Amino acid sequence: VYAGRQVAYGPLVPSHLQTYSTTMLLALTKGKIITAIVFSFILLCVALPGVAKNLDLESAKKAYADNAYDRALTTFRIGARAGLKEAQYWLGLLHDRGHGVDRDSKIALQWFKKSAEQGHAEAQRSVGVYFEEGVVIGQDFTAAANWYRRAAAQNNAKALRNLAQLHVWGRGVVRDFAKASRLLQTAVNLGNGKAMRNLAYLYYFGKGVRRDPMRARALFAAAAEAGLDKAKYNLGFLYYRGEGVPRDLPIAAYHFGQAAEAGNADAQLMLSRLYILGDGVVQDPARAFFWALLGAVQKPDLAEWHFDKLRGRLTIGQMDRIRAQSKAWDPKG
């Protein structure tokens, strides 16, 4: 068995163990099966730490990023079984996402827990997410908060954001907008885009902080710069309403367009509205119909107003062509 592993692992097997397969065969030949099994176990215990020490986890992560999941899986599996918390987290992630293996949330959680118990911050956050969402295990917001706290104590920005949201909702913790704002600010300082967006909401509505549309705009802008489509929509909405900034419909249309191209339904419907009314853009029933069709996929009820306003403004042939275009459309980003 181990001889086979030598071939599979190649240079990962320490040189002082190269005689293992020969020793094993001799023991079996002499009928000392029990001795061989015990000896096998002892040597494997010695071998795994040595193998783990030679593992290149960074190369495995690069393989994962390049979608070479099988190669990444081999390395992470060896490291995880050897007790490396980083490898355990990544093996859990592979099972969680079904990359290189069948998707299995139960196995993913087992590896996340092993890694989390050794202090891996992102694994701790992942266990928290499982408890919050009730995946595999019963939904438990208190347990989720506890795991988020452990990860947040290590300045894990995502965990800080997750814990803040529990305080916003009052799930598993006392509802406390002020505490949520402090947690989010820490996550913002660490560069977390979603935390920027969530803190912007608190400033916009004046929850836990003094209402400040200008501060909300700055945070939405930072989140949009980080690539968050919803923040692009929010930024467009502020320009549309003139909150925190002078009202500017062309700029609003630009931000709605950015979010709409990325697949945000609210932005698609707002952009359609602008094309219907000619607000900040030239009136264009065809474009209005196109964006209304896309927005209606996710929010059909909100799209009714748009279709009513466009009735009779396009021919059947035009509408058929636009429907075909909308079906072939793919979001950017």
Protein backbone atom coordinates (compact mmCIF):
# COMPACT_ATOMS: atom_id res chain seq x y z
CA VAL A 1 0.00 0.00 0.00
CA TYR A 2 2.67 2.49 1.01
CA ALA A 3 4.79 1.55 -1.98
CA GLY A 4 1.91 2.77 -4.09
CA ARG A 5 1.81 5.98 -2.09
CA GLN A 6 5.53 6.45 -2.73
CA VAL A 7 4.83 6.48 -6.44
CA ALA A 8 1.88 8.84 -6.03
CA TYR A 9 3.68 11.27 -3.74
CA GLY A 10 7.07 11.04 -5.44
CA PRO A 11 9.58 13.33 -3.74
CA LEU A 12 7.19 14.02 -0.88
CA VAL A 13 8.19 10.74 0.80
CA PRO A 14 11.17 11.25 3.15
CA SER A 15 14.28 9.36 2.10
CA HIS A 16 14.58 7.46 5.41
CA LEU A 17 11.29 5.72 4.60
CA GLN A 18 12.31 4.41 1.19
CA THR A 19 13.05 0.96 2.66
CA TYR A 20 9.52 0.67 4.02
CA SER A 21 8.03 -1.30 1.11
CA THR A 22 10.85 -3.86 1.20
CA THR A 23 10.48 -4.33 4.96
CA MET A 24 6.75 -4.74 4.55
CA LEU A 25 7.11 -7.47 1.93
CA LEU A 26 9.63 -9.38 4.03
CA ALA A 27 7.35 -9.26 7.04
CA LEU A 28 4.44 -10.57 5.01
CA THR A 29 6.59 -13.33 3.48
CA LYS A 30 7.48 -14.56 6.96
CA GLY A 31 3.81 -14.61 7.92
CA LYS A 32 4.16 -11.82 10.44
CA ILE A 33 0.99 -10.10 9.29
CA ILE A 34 0.09 -8.52 12.63
CA THR A 35 3.61 -7.21 13.08
CA ALA A 36 3.53 -5.81 9.57
CA ILE A 37 0.25 -4.02 10.18
CA VAL A 38 1.49 -2.47 13.43
CA PHE A 39 4.76 -1.49 11.79
CA SER A 40 2.78 0.01 8.91
CA PHE A 41 0.73 2.14 11.25
CA ILE A 42 3.78 3.39 13.15
CA LEU A 43 5.63 4.33 10.00
CA LEU A 44 2.63 6.08 8.54
CA CYS A 45 2.38 8.16 11.71
CA VAL A 46 6.01 9.10 11.22
CA ALA A 47 5.61 9.62 7.48
CA LEU A 48 2.61 11.92 7.37
CA PRO A 49 4.20 14.81 9.25
CA GLY A 50 7.24 14.49 7.01
CA VAL A 51 5.07 14.48 3.91
CA ALA A 52 3.04 17.43 5.20
CA LYS A 53 6.22 19.41 5.81
CA ASN A 54 7.09 19.11 2.11
CA LEU A 55 3.63 20.00 0.79
CA ASP A 56 3.41 23.11 -1.36
CA LEU A 57 0.03 24.48 -0.34
CA GLU A 58 0.56 27.72 -2.25
CA SER A 59 0.96 25.78 -5.50
CA ALA A 60 -2.20 23.85 -4.63
CA LYS A 61 -4.06 27.13 -4.13
CA LYS A 62 -2.81 28.34 -7.50
CA ALA A 63 -3.97 25.08 -9.06
CA TYR A 64 -7.39 25.68 -7.51
CA ALA A 65 -7.49 29.21 -8.90
CA ASP A 66 -6.61 27.77 -12.33
CA ASN A 67 -9.49 25.25 -12.00
CA ALA A 68 -7.03 22.35 -11.75
CA TYR A 69 -9.14 20.90 -8.96
CA ASP A 70 -7.81 17.33 -9.11
CA ARG A 71 -4.25 18.53 -8.54
CA ALA A 72 -5.34 20.81 -5.71
CA LEU A 73 -7.43 18.04 -4.17
CA THR A 74 -4.50 15.63 -3.95
CA THR A 75 -2.33 18.10 -2.05
CA PHE A 76 -5.06 19.38 0.25
CA ARG A 77 -6.21 15.85 1.07
CA ILE A 78 -2.70 14.78 2.09
CA GLY A 79 -2.21 17.89 4.19
CA ALA A 80 -5.65 17.66 5.79
CA ARG A 81 -5.11 14.07 6.86
CA ALA A 82 -1.74 15.09 8.28
CA GLY A 83 -3.50 17.67 10.45
CA LEU A 84 -2.61 20.89 8.63
CA LYS A 85 -5.36 23.41 9.39
CA GLU A 86 -4.85 25.32 6.14
CA ALA A 87 -5.22 22.14 4.09
CA GLN A 88 -8.25 21.09 6.14
CA TYR A 89 -9.95 24.39 5.37
CA TRP A 90 -9.27 24.08 1.66
CA LEU A 91 -10.41 20.47 1.54
CA GLY A 92 -13.61 21.61 3.23
CA LEU A 93 -13.97 24.33 0.61
CA LEU A 94 -13.61 21.81 -2.23
CA HIS A 95 -16.38 19.68 -0.76
CA ASP A 96 -18.50 22.75 -0.04
CA ARG A 97 -18.34 23.92 -3.65
CA GLY A 98 -18.14 20.54 -5.34
CA HIS A 99 -14.81 21.29 -6.99
CA GLY A 100 -12.86 18.12 -7.84
CA VAL A 101 -15.25 16.07 -5.69
CA ASP A 102 -18.98 15.59 -5.34
CA ARG A 103 -20.54 18.45 -3.45
CA ASP A 104 -21.06 17.29 0.13
CA SER A 105 -21.89 19.86 2.80
CA LYS A 106 -21.63 17.29 5.59
CA ILE A 107 -18.04 16.38 4.74
CA ALA A 108 -17.22 20.04 4.13
CA LEU A 109 -18.43 20.97 7.60
CA GLN A 110 -16.37 18.17 9.17
CA TRP A 111 -13.19 19.54 7.63
CA PHE A 112 -14.11 23.15 8.39
CA LYS A 113 -14.61 22.18 12.04
CA LYS A 114 -11.26 20.38 12.25
CA SER A 115 -9.54 23.44 10.85
CA ALA A 116 -11.59 25.87 12.96
CA GLU A 117 -10.75 24.04 16.17
CA GLN A 118 -7.07 24.62 15.35
CA GLY A 119 -7.73 28.35 15.04
CA HIS A 120 -8.11 28.89 11.29
CA ALA A 121 -10.10 32.14 11.05
CA GLU A 122 -11.82 31.58 7.71
CA ALA A 123 -12.74 28.03 8.73
CA GLN A 124 -14.26 29.44 11.92
CA ARG A 125 -16.30 31.86 9.84
CA SER A 126 -17.38 29.04 7.53
CA VAL A 127 -18.64 26.99 10.47
CA GLY A 128 -20.53 30.09 11.57
CA VAL A 129 -22.16 30.36 8.15
CA TYR A 130 -23.27 26.72 8.37
CA PHE A 131 -24.92 27.39 11.72
CA GLU A 132 -26.49 30.63 10.52
CA GLU A 133 -27.94 29.08 7.37
CA GLY A 134 -28.84 25.76 9.00
CA VAL A 135 -26.91 23.74 6.43
CA VAL A 136 -26.57 20.06 7.45
CA ILE A 137 -26.94 21.06 11.10
CA GLY A 138 -29.84 22.79 12.83
CA GLN A 139 -29.98 26.55 12.45
CA ASP A 140 -28.41 28.12 15.53
CA PHE A 141 -27.76 31.87 15.48
CA THR A 142 -26.09 31.83 18.91
CA ALA A 143 -23.57 29.22 17.76
CA ALA A 144 -23.06 31.18 14.53
CA ALA A 145 -22.33 34.34 16.52
CA ASN A 146 -19.83 32.48 18.71
CA TRP A 147 -17.92 31.20 15.68
CA TYR A 148 -18.00 34.61 14.02
CA ARG A 149 -16.57 36.16 17.20
CA ARG A 150 -13.65 33.74 17.19
CA ALA A 151 -12.84 34.61 13.59
CA ALA A 152 -13.48 38.33 14.14
CA ALA A 153 -11.00 38.29 17.02
CA GLN A 154 -8.39 37.44 14.38
CA ASN A 155 -9.49 40.42 12.25
CA ASN A 156 -11.28 38.28 9.68
CA ALA A 157 -13.15 40.99 7.75
CA LYS A 158 -15.91 38.70 6.52
CA ALA A 159 -16.59 37.43 10.04
CA LEU A 160 -16.74 41.00 11.34
CA ARG A 161 -19.34 41.74 8.68
CA ASN A 162 -21.31 38.55 9.44
CA LEU A 163 -21.34 39.30 13.17
CA ALA A 164 -22.42 42.88 12.48
CA GLN A 165 -25.40 41.64 10.47
CA LEU A 166 -26.50 39.41 13.34
CA HIS A 167 -26.51 42.51 15.54
CA VAL A 168 -28.54 44.38 12.91
CA TRP A 169 -31.16 41.61 12.90
CA GLY A 170 -30.87 40.67 16.56
CA ARG A 171 -30.29 37.01 15.76
CA GLY A 172 -28.36 35.09 18.40
CA VAL A 173 -27.21 38.40 19.86
CA VAL A 174 -28.79 41.58 21.20
CA ARG A 175 -29.97 43.89 18.43
CA ASP A 176 -27.44 46.70 18.52
CA PHE A 177 -26.96 49.00 15.53
CA ALA A 178 -24.16 50.93 17.23
CA LYS A 179 -22.15 47.76 17.78
CA ALA A 180 -22.91 46.66 14.23
CA SER A 181 -21.56 49.96 12.92
CA ARG A 182 -18.33 49.56 14.90
CA LEU A 183 -17.82 46.01 13.63
CA LEU A 184 -18.52 47.10 10.07
CA GLN A 185 -16.11 50.03 10.36
CA THR A 186 -13.37 47.62 11.41
CA ALA A 187 -14.17 45.43 8.40
CA VAL A 188 -14.18 48.51 6.16
CA ASN A 189 -10.74 49.44 7.46
CA LEU A 190 -9.64 45.96 6.36
CA GLY A 191 -10.96 46.65 2.86
CA ASN A 192 -14.12 44.52 2.81
CA GLY A 193 -16.43 45.73 0.04
CA LYS A 194 -19.66 44.27 1.41
CA ALA A 195 -18.93 45.85 4.78
CA MET A 196 -18.61 49.21 3.00
CA ARG A 197 -22.03 48.72 1.46
CA ASN A 198 -23.65 47.56 4.71
CA LEU A 199 -22.16 50.44 6.70
CA ALA A 200 -23.40 52.81 4.00
CA TYR A 201 -26.95 51.59 4.69
CA LEU A 202 -26.56 52.43 8.37
CA TYR A 203 -25.39 55.95 7.52
CA TYR A 204 -28.15 56.37 4.96
CA PHE A 205 -30.90 55.35 7.39
CA GLY A 206 -29.20 56.72 10.52
CA LYS A 207 -29.09 53.40 12.37
CA GLY A 208 -26.45 53.23 15.12
CA VAL A 209 -24.78 56.29 13.65
CA ARG A 210 -25.87 59.84 12.86
CA ARG A 211 -27.65 59.96 9.50
CA ASP A 212 -25.16 61.11 6.90
CA PRO A 213 -26.07 60.69 3.19
CA MET A 214 -22.68 62.10 2.15
CA ARG A 215 -20.86 59.44 4.17
CA ALA A 216 -23.24 56.85 2.73
CA ARG A 217 -22.40 58.03 -0.78
CA ALA A 218 -18.66 57.76 -0.13
CA LEU A 219 -19.07 54.22 1.20
CA PHE A 220 -21.32 53.15 -1.68
CA ALA A 221 -18.74 54.61 -4.09
CA ALA A 222 -15.94 52.64 -2.41
CA ALA A 223 -18.03 49.45 -2.51
CA ALA A 224 -18.87 50.06 -6.17
CA GLU A 225 -15.17 50.54 -6.89
CA ALA A 226 -14.60 47.17 -5.21
CA GLY A 227 -16.98 45.65 -7.76
CA LEU A 228 -20.24 45.29 -5.84
CA ASP A 229 -23.09 45.57 -8.32
CA LYS A 230 -25.70 46.43 -5.70
CA ALA A 231 -23.52 49.30 -4.48
CA LYS A 232 -23.41 50.63 -8.04
CA TYR A 233 -27.20 50.62 -8.03
CA ASN A 234 -27.28 52.32 -4.60
CA LEU A 235 -24.87 54.98 -5.82
CA GLY A 236 -27.03 55.60 -8.86
CA PHE A 237 -30.08 55.91 -6.62
CA LEU A 238 -28.40 58.63 -4.53
CA TYR A 239 -27.64 60.64 -7.67
CA TYR A 240 -31.19 60.03 -8.89
CA ARG A 241 -32.64 61.34 -5.64
CA GLY A 242 -29.98 63.98 -5.01
CA GLU A 243 -29.11 62.66 -1.55
CA GLY A 244 -25.58 63.29 -0.34
CA VAL A 245 -24.81 64.70 -3.79
CA PRO A 246 -26.45 67.20 -6.16
CA ARG A 247 -29.14 65.51 -8.25
CA ASP A 248 -27.55 64.38 -11.51
CA LEU A 249 -29.63 62.13 -13.78
CA PRO A 250 -26.92 61.42 -16.40
CA ILE A 251 -24.56 60.22 -13.64
CA ALA A 252 -27.42 58.23 -12.10
CA ALA A 253 -28.01 56.60 -15.50
CA TYR A 254 -24.32 55.74 -15.74
CA HIS A 255 -24.27 53.94 -12.39
CA PHE A 256 -27.59 52.20 -13.07
CA GLY A 257 -26.10 51.07 -16.38
CA GLN A 258 -23.01 49.65 -14.69
CA ALA A 259 -25.14 47.67 -12.25
CA ALA A 260 -27.65 46.63 -14.93
CA GLU A 261 -24.89 45.23 -17.14
CA ALA A 262 -23.77 43.10 -14.19
CA GLY A 263 -27.27 41.64 -13.77
CA ASN A 264 -28.80 43.74 -10.98
CA ALA A 265 -32.58 43.66 -11.53
CA ASP A 266 -33.32 46.89 -9.63
CA ALA A 267 -30.81 48.73 -11.79
CA GLN A 268 -32.20 47.17 -14.97
CA LEU A 269 -35.69 48.41 -14.14
CA MET A 270 -34.45 51.88 -13.15
CA LEU A 271 -32.49 52.14 -16.38
CA SER A 272 -35.62 51.09 -18.29
CA ARG A 273 -37.55 53.82 -16.47
CA LEU A 274 -35.00 56.45 -17.48
CA TYR A 275 -35.25 55.39 -21.13
CA ILE A 276 -39.05 55.51 -20.95
CA LEU A 277 -39.12 59.02 -19.45
CA GLY A 278 -35.99 60.41 -21.07
CA ASP A 279 -34.48 61.26 -17.68
CA GLY A 280 -30.72 61.69 -18.03
CA VAL A 281 -30.79 59.81 -21.34
CA VAL A 282 -32.48 60.18 -24.72
CA GLN A 283 -35.90 58.49 -24.77
CA ASP A 284 -35.52 55.06 -26.31
CA PRO A 285 -38.49 52.63 -26.15
CA ALA A 286 -36.41 49.78 -27.59
CA ARG A 287 -33.75 50.00 -24.89
CA ALA A 288 -36.41 50.56 -22.27
CA PHE A 289 -38.18 47.36 -23.37
CA PHE A 290 -34.89 45.42 -23.41
CA TRP A 291 -33.99 46.34 -19.84
CA ALA A 292 -37.55 45.85 -18.64
CA LEU A 293 -37.51 42.30 -20.01
CA LEU A 294 -34.29 41.53 -18.16
CA GLY A 295 -35.49 43.10 -14.92
CA ALA A 296 -38.77 41.20 -15.18
CA VAL A 297 -36.93 37.87 -15.00
CA GLN A 298 -36.10 38.52 -11.34
CA LYS A 299 -38.79 41.05 -10.42
CA PRO A 300 -41.84 40.50 -12.63
CA ASP A 301 -44.25 42.49 -10.44
CA LEU A 302 -42.10 45.62 -10.54
CA ALA A 303 -41.80 45.39 -14.32
CA GLU A 304 -45.54 45.78 -14.97
CA TRP A 305 -45.38 49.60 -14.86
CA HIS A 306 -42.69 49.58 -17.55
CA PHE A 307 -44.63 47.34 -19.90
CA ASP A 308 -47.76 49.44 -19.46
CA LYS A 309 -45.85 52.61 -20.36
CA LEU A 310 -44.34 50.96 -23.44
CA ARG A 311 -47.60 49.55 -24.80
CA GLY A 312 -48.08 50.62 -28.43
CA ARG A 313 -44.64 52.22 -28.75
CA LEU A 314 -42.99 49.28 -30.50
CA THR A 315 -44.09 47.04 -33.35
CA ILE A 316 -44.56 43.30 -32.85
CA GLY A 317 -41.49 42.69 -35.01
CA GLN A 318 -39.38 45.05 -32.90
CA MET A 319 -40.53 43.41 -29.67
CA ASP A 320 -39.78 39.93 -31.03
CA ARG A 321 -36.23 40.97 -31.97
CA ILE A 322 -35.67 42.55 -28.56
CA ARG A 323 -37.00 39.44 -26.80
CA ALA A 324 -34.51 37.32 -28.75
CA GLN A 325 -31.70 39.70 -27.77
CA SER A 326 -32.68 39.58 -24.10
CA LYS A 327 -32.68 35.77 -24.11
CA ALA A 328 -29.16 35.73 -25.57
CA TRP A 329 -27.88 38.35 -23.12
CA ASP A 330 -25.26 37.50 -20.49
CA PRO A 331 -24.27 39.76 -17.59
CA LYS A 332 -20.80 41.27 -17.55
CA GLY A 333 -18.37 40.86 -14.71
